[in-house]
Amino acid sequence: MNKVRVFDNGGKTFDQYTVQIGRDVYNMSINALSPQGFNQYNFTLKKYEHIEGKANKETLGKKIAFDVLPEAVKVAIRQRRA
Protein backbone atom coordinates (compact mmCIF):
# COMPACT_ATOMS: atom_id res chain seq x y z
CA MET A 1 0.00 0.00 0.00
CA ASN A 2 1.23 3.51 -0.82
CA LYS A 3 2.56 5.70 1.96
CA VAL A 4 0.47 8.80 2.70
CA ARG A 5 1.92 12.11 3.91
CA VAL A 6 -0.26 15.14 4.60
CA PHE A 7 0.75 18.77 4.99
CA ASP A 8 -1.54 21.52 6.34
CA ASN A 9 -0.89 25.17 5.48
CA GLY A 10 -3.29 26.33 8.20
CA GLY A 11 -5.89 27.66 5.76
CA LYS A 12 -3.62 30.14 3.98
CA THR A 13 -5.14 28.90 0.71
CA PHE A 14 -8.44 27.25 -0.25
CA ASP A 15 -6.56 24.02 -1.02
CA GLN A 16 -5.31 23.80 2.56
CA TYR A 17 -3.98 20.23 2.38
CA THR A 18 -1.17 18.86 0.24
CA VAL A 19 -1.44 15.07 0.18
CA GLN A 20 1.29 12.77 -1.06
CA ILE A 21 0.13 9.25 -1.87
CA GLY A 22 3.13 7.26 -2.99
CA ARG A 23 4.73 9.58 -5.54
CA ASP A 24 1.47 11.30 -6.56
CA VAL A 25 0.64 14.69 -5.03
CA TYR A 26 -2.88 16.09 -4.60
CA ASN A 27 -4.31 19.30 -3.18
CA MET A 28 -7.50 19.25 -1.13
CA SER A 29 -9.72 21.63 0.75
CA ILE A 30 -11.46 20.89 4.05
CA ASN A 31 -14.59 19.87 2.11
CA ALA A 32 -12.75 17.71 -0.45
CA LEU A 33 -15.86 15.72 -1.42
CA SER A 34 -18.19 18.68 -1.96
CA PRO A 35 -18.86 20.32 -5.34
CA GLN A 36 -17.81 23.54 -3.60
CA GLY A 37 -14.61 21.90 -2.37
CA PHE A 38 -11.28 21.09 -3.98
CA ASN A 39 -9.67 17.68 -4.57
CA GLN A 40 -7.30 17.66 -7.51
CA TYR A 41 -4.22 15.83 -8.74
CA ASN A 42 -1.20 18.15 -8.85
CA PHE A 43 1.89 16.23 -10.04
CA THR A 44 3.96 13.06 -9.69
CA LEU A 45 7.32 13.13 -7.97
CA LYS A 46 10.26 11.66 -9.81
CA LYS A 47 12.14 8.78 -8.25
CA TYR A 48 14.14 10.00 -5.23
CA GLU A 49 12.49 13.44 -5.39
CA HIS A 50 10.93 14.74 -2.16
CA ILE A 51 7.83 16.88 -1.80
CA GLU A 52 9.68 19.29 0.50
CA GLY A 53 12.15 19.96 -2.31
CA LYS A 54 9.39 20.63 -4.87
CA ALA A 55 7.28 23.09 -2.89
CA ASN A 56 7.84 26.09 -0.69
CA LYS A 57 7.52 25.19 3.03
CA GLU A 58 5.11 28.12 3.48
CA THR A 59 2.89 26.59 0.81
CA LEU A 60 3.11 23.09 2.25
CA GLY A 61 2.71 24.04 5.88
CA LYS A 62 3.40 21.52 8.60
CA LYS A 63 3.22 17.76 8.32
CA ILE A 64 0.18 16.38 10.17
CA ALA A 65 -1.17 12.98 11.13
CA PHE A 66 -3.94 11.34 9.11
CA ASP A 67 -6.17 10.93 12.17
CA VAL A 68 -6.49 14.71 12.76
CA LEU A 69 -7.87 15.40 9.27
CA PRO A 70 -11.52 16.32 8.64
CA GLU A 71 -13.57 13.22 7.76
CA ALA A 72 -14.19 14.38 4.17
CA VAL A 73 -10.44 14.62 3.55
CA LYS A 74 -9.85 11.15 5.05
CA VAL A 75 -12.50 9.68 2.75
CA ALA A 76 -11.05 11.49 -0.29
CA ILE A 77 -7.59 10.09 0.51
CA ARG A 78 -8.97 6.57 0.92
CA GLN A 79 -10.71 6.88 -2.45
CA ARG A 80 -7.48 8.05 -4.11
CA ARG A 81 -5.55 5.12 -2.59
CA ALA A 82 -8.01 2.55 -3.99
C-alpha atoms as a PDB file:
ATOM      1  CA  MET A   1       0.000   0.000   0.000  1.00  0.00           C
ATOM      2  CA  ASN A   2       1.231   3.512  -0.823  1.00  0.00           C
ATOM      3  CA  LYS A   3       2.556   5.702   1.961  1.00  0.00           C
ATOM      4  CA  VAL A   4       0.473   8.804   2.704  1.00  0.00           C
ATOM      5  CA  ARG A   5       1.923  12.106   3.912  1.00  0.00           C
ATOM      6  CA  VAL A   6      -0.263  15.139   4.601  1.00  0.00           C
ATOM      7  CA  PHE A   7       0.752  18.770   4.988  1.00  0.00           C
ATOM      8  CA  ASP A   8      -1.539  21.520   6.339  1.00  0.00           C
ATOM      9  CA  ASN A   9      -0.892  25.168   5.478  1.00  0.00           C
ATOM     10  CA  GLY A  10      -3.294  26.326   8.196  1.00  0.00           C
ATOM     11  CA  GLY A  11      -5.885  27.656   5.765  1.00  0.00           C
ATOM     12  CA  LYS A  12      -3.620  30.141   3.982  1.00  0.00           C
ATOM     13  CA  THR A  13      -5.140  28.898   0.712  1.00  0.00           C
ATOM     14  CA  PHE A  14      -8.442  27.247  -0.251  1.00  0.00           C
ATOM     15  CA  ASP A  15      -6.557  24.021  -1.022  1.00  0.00           C
ATOM     16  CA  GLN A  16      -5.312  23.798   2.557  1.00  0.00           C
ATOM     17  CA  TYR A  17      -3.977  20.233   2.381  1.00  0.00           C
ATOM     18  CA  THR A  18      -1.166  18.859   0.242  1.00  0.00           C
ATOM     19  CA  VAL A  19      -1.442  15.074   0.183  1.00  0.00           C
ATOM     20  CA  GLN A  20       1.290  12.771  -1.064  1.00  0.00           C
ATOM     21  CA  ILE A  21       0.125   9.245  -1.871  1.00  0.00           C
ATOM     22  CA  GLY A  22       3.125   7.262  -2.989  1.00  0.00           C
ATOM     23  CA  ARG A  23       4.728   9.582  -5.537  1.00  0.00           C
ATOM     24  CA  ASP A  24       1.473  11.302  -6.559  1.00  0.00           C
ATOM     25  CA  VAL A  25       0.640  14.693  -5.029  1.00  0.00           C
ATOM     26  CA  TYR A  26      -2.885  16.089  -4.601  1.00  0.00           C
ATOM     27  CA  ASN A  27      -4.305  19.298  -3.182  1.00  0.00           C
ATOM     28  CA  MET A  28      -7.500  19.249  -1.131  1.00  0.00           C
ATOM     29  CA  SER A  29      -9.724  21.635   0.752  1.00  0.00           C
ATOM     30  CA  ILE A  30     -11.465  20.891   4.051  1.00  0.00           C
ATOM     31  CA  ASN A  31     -14.591  19.870   2.110  1.00  0.00           C
ATOM     32  CA  ALA A  32     -12.750  17.706  -0.446  1.00  0.00           C
ATOM     33  CA  LEU A  33     -15.858  15.716  -1.424  1.00  0.00           C
ATOM     34  CA  SER A  34     -18.191  18.675  -1.963  1.00  0.00           C
ATOM     35  CA  PRO A  35     -18.861  20.317  -5.341  1.00  0.00           C
ATOM     36  CA  GLN A  36     -17.808  23.542  -3.601  1.00  0.00           C
ATOM     37  CA  GLY A  37     -14.607  21.904  -2.366  1.00  0.00           C
ATOM     38  CA  PHE A  38     -11.283  21.095  -3.980  1.00  0.00           C
ATOM     39  CA  ASN A  39      -9.673  17.679  -4.572  1.00  0.00           C
ATOM     40  CA  GLN A  40      -7.302  17.659  -7.507  1.00  0.00           C
ATOM     41  CA  TYR A  41      -4.217  15.831  -8.737  1.00  0.00           C
ATOM     42  CA  ASN A  42      -1.199  18.149  -8.846  1.00  0.00           C
ATOM     43  CA  PHE A  43       1.889  16.230 -10.042  1.00  0.00           C
ATOM     44  CA  THR A  44       3.960  13.055  -9.692  1.00  0.00           C
ATOM     45  CA  LEU A  45       7.319  13.132  -7.973  1.00  0.00           C
ATOM     46  CA  LYS A  46      10.263  11.664  -9.815  1.00  0.00           C
ATOM     47  CA  LYS A  47      12.144   8.777  -8.251  1.00  0.00           C
ATOM     48  CA  TYR A  48      14.145  10.001  -5.227  1.00  0.00           C
ATOM     49  CA  GLU A  49      12.490  13.438  -5.388  1.00  0.00           C
ATOM     50  CA  HIS A  50      10.927  14.735  -2.157  1.00  0.00           C
ATOM     51  CA  ILE A  51       7.826  16.879  -1.799  1.00  0.00           C
ATOM     52  CA  GLU A  52       9.682  19.291   0.504  1.00  0.00           C
ATOM     53  CA  GLY A  53      12.154  19.959  -2.312  1.00  0.00           C
ATOM     54  CA  LYS A  54       9.394  20.628  -4.870  1.00  0.00           C
ATOM     55  CA  ALA A  55       7.285  23.090  -2.891  1.00  0.00           C
ATOM     56  CA  ASN A  56       7.845  26.091  -0.685  1.00  0.00           C
ATOM     57  CA  LYS A  57       7.516  25.189   3.025  1.00  0.00           C
ATOM     58  CA  GLU A  58       5.111  28.118   3.483  1.00  0.00           C
ATOM     59  CA  THR A  59       2.886  26.588   0.814  1.00  0.00           C
ATOM     60  CA  LEU A  60       3.109  23.085   2.254  1.00  0.00           C
ATOM     61  CA  GLY A  61       2.708  24.043   5.875  1.00  0.00           C
ATOM     62  CA  LYS A  62       3.403  21.522   8.599  1.00  0.00           C
ATOM     63  CA  LYS A  63       3.218  17.755   8.325  1.00  0.00           C
ATOM     64  CA  ILE A  64       0.181  16.383  10.168  1.00  0.00           C
ATOM     65  CA  ALA A  65      -1.166  12.984  11.128  1.00  0.00           C
ATOM     66  CA  PHE A  66      -3.945  11.344   9.112  1.00  0.00           C
ATOM     67  CA  ASP A  67      -6.169  10.934  12.172  1.00  0.00           C
ATOM     68  CA  VAL A  68      -6.493  14.712  12.764  1.00  0.00           C
ATOM     69  CA  LEU A  69      -7.874  15.402   9.268  1.00  0.00           C
ATOM     70  CA  PRO A  70     -11.524  16.316   8.644  1.00  0.00           C
ATOM     71  CA  GLU A  71     -13.569  13.221   7.760  1.00  0.00           C
ATOM     72  CA  ALA A  72     -14.191  14.382   4.165  1.00  0.00           C
ATOM     73  CA  VAL A  73     -10.437  14.618   3.546  1.00  0.00           C
ATOM     74  CA  LYS A  74      -9.853  11.152   5.048  1.00  0.00           C
ATOM     75  CA  VAL A  75     -12.504   9.677   2.749  1.00  0.00           C
ATOM     76  CA  ALA A  76     -11.050  11.493  -0.291  1.00  0.00           C
ATOM     77  CA  ILE A  77      -7.594  10.095   0.508  1.00  0.00           C
ATOM     78  CA  ARG A  78      -8.970   6.567   0.922  1.00  0.00           C
ATOM     79  CA  GLN A  79     -10.706   6.878  -2.453  1.00  0.00           C
ATOM     80  CA  ARG A  80      -7.481   8.049  -4.113  1.00  0.00           C
ATOM     81  CA  ARG A  81      -5.549   5.116  -2.591  1.00  0.00           C
ATOM     82  CA  ALA A  82      -8.008   2.554  -3.991  1.00  0.00           C
END
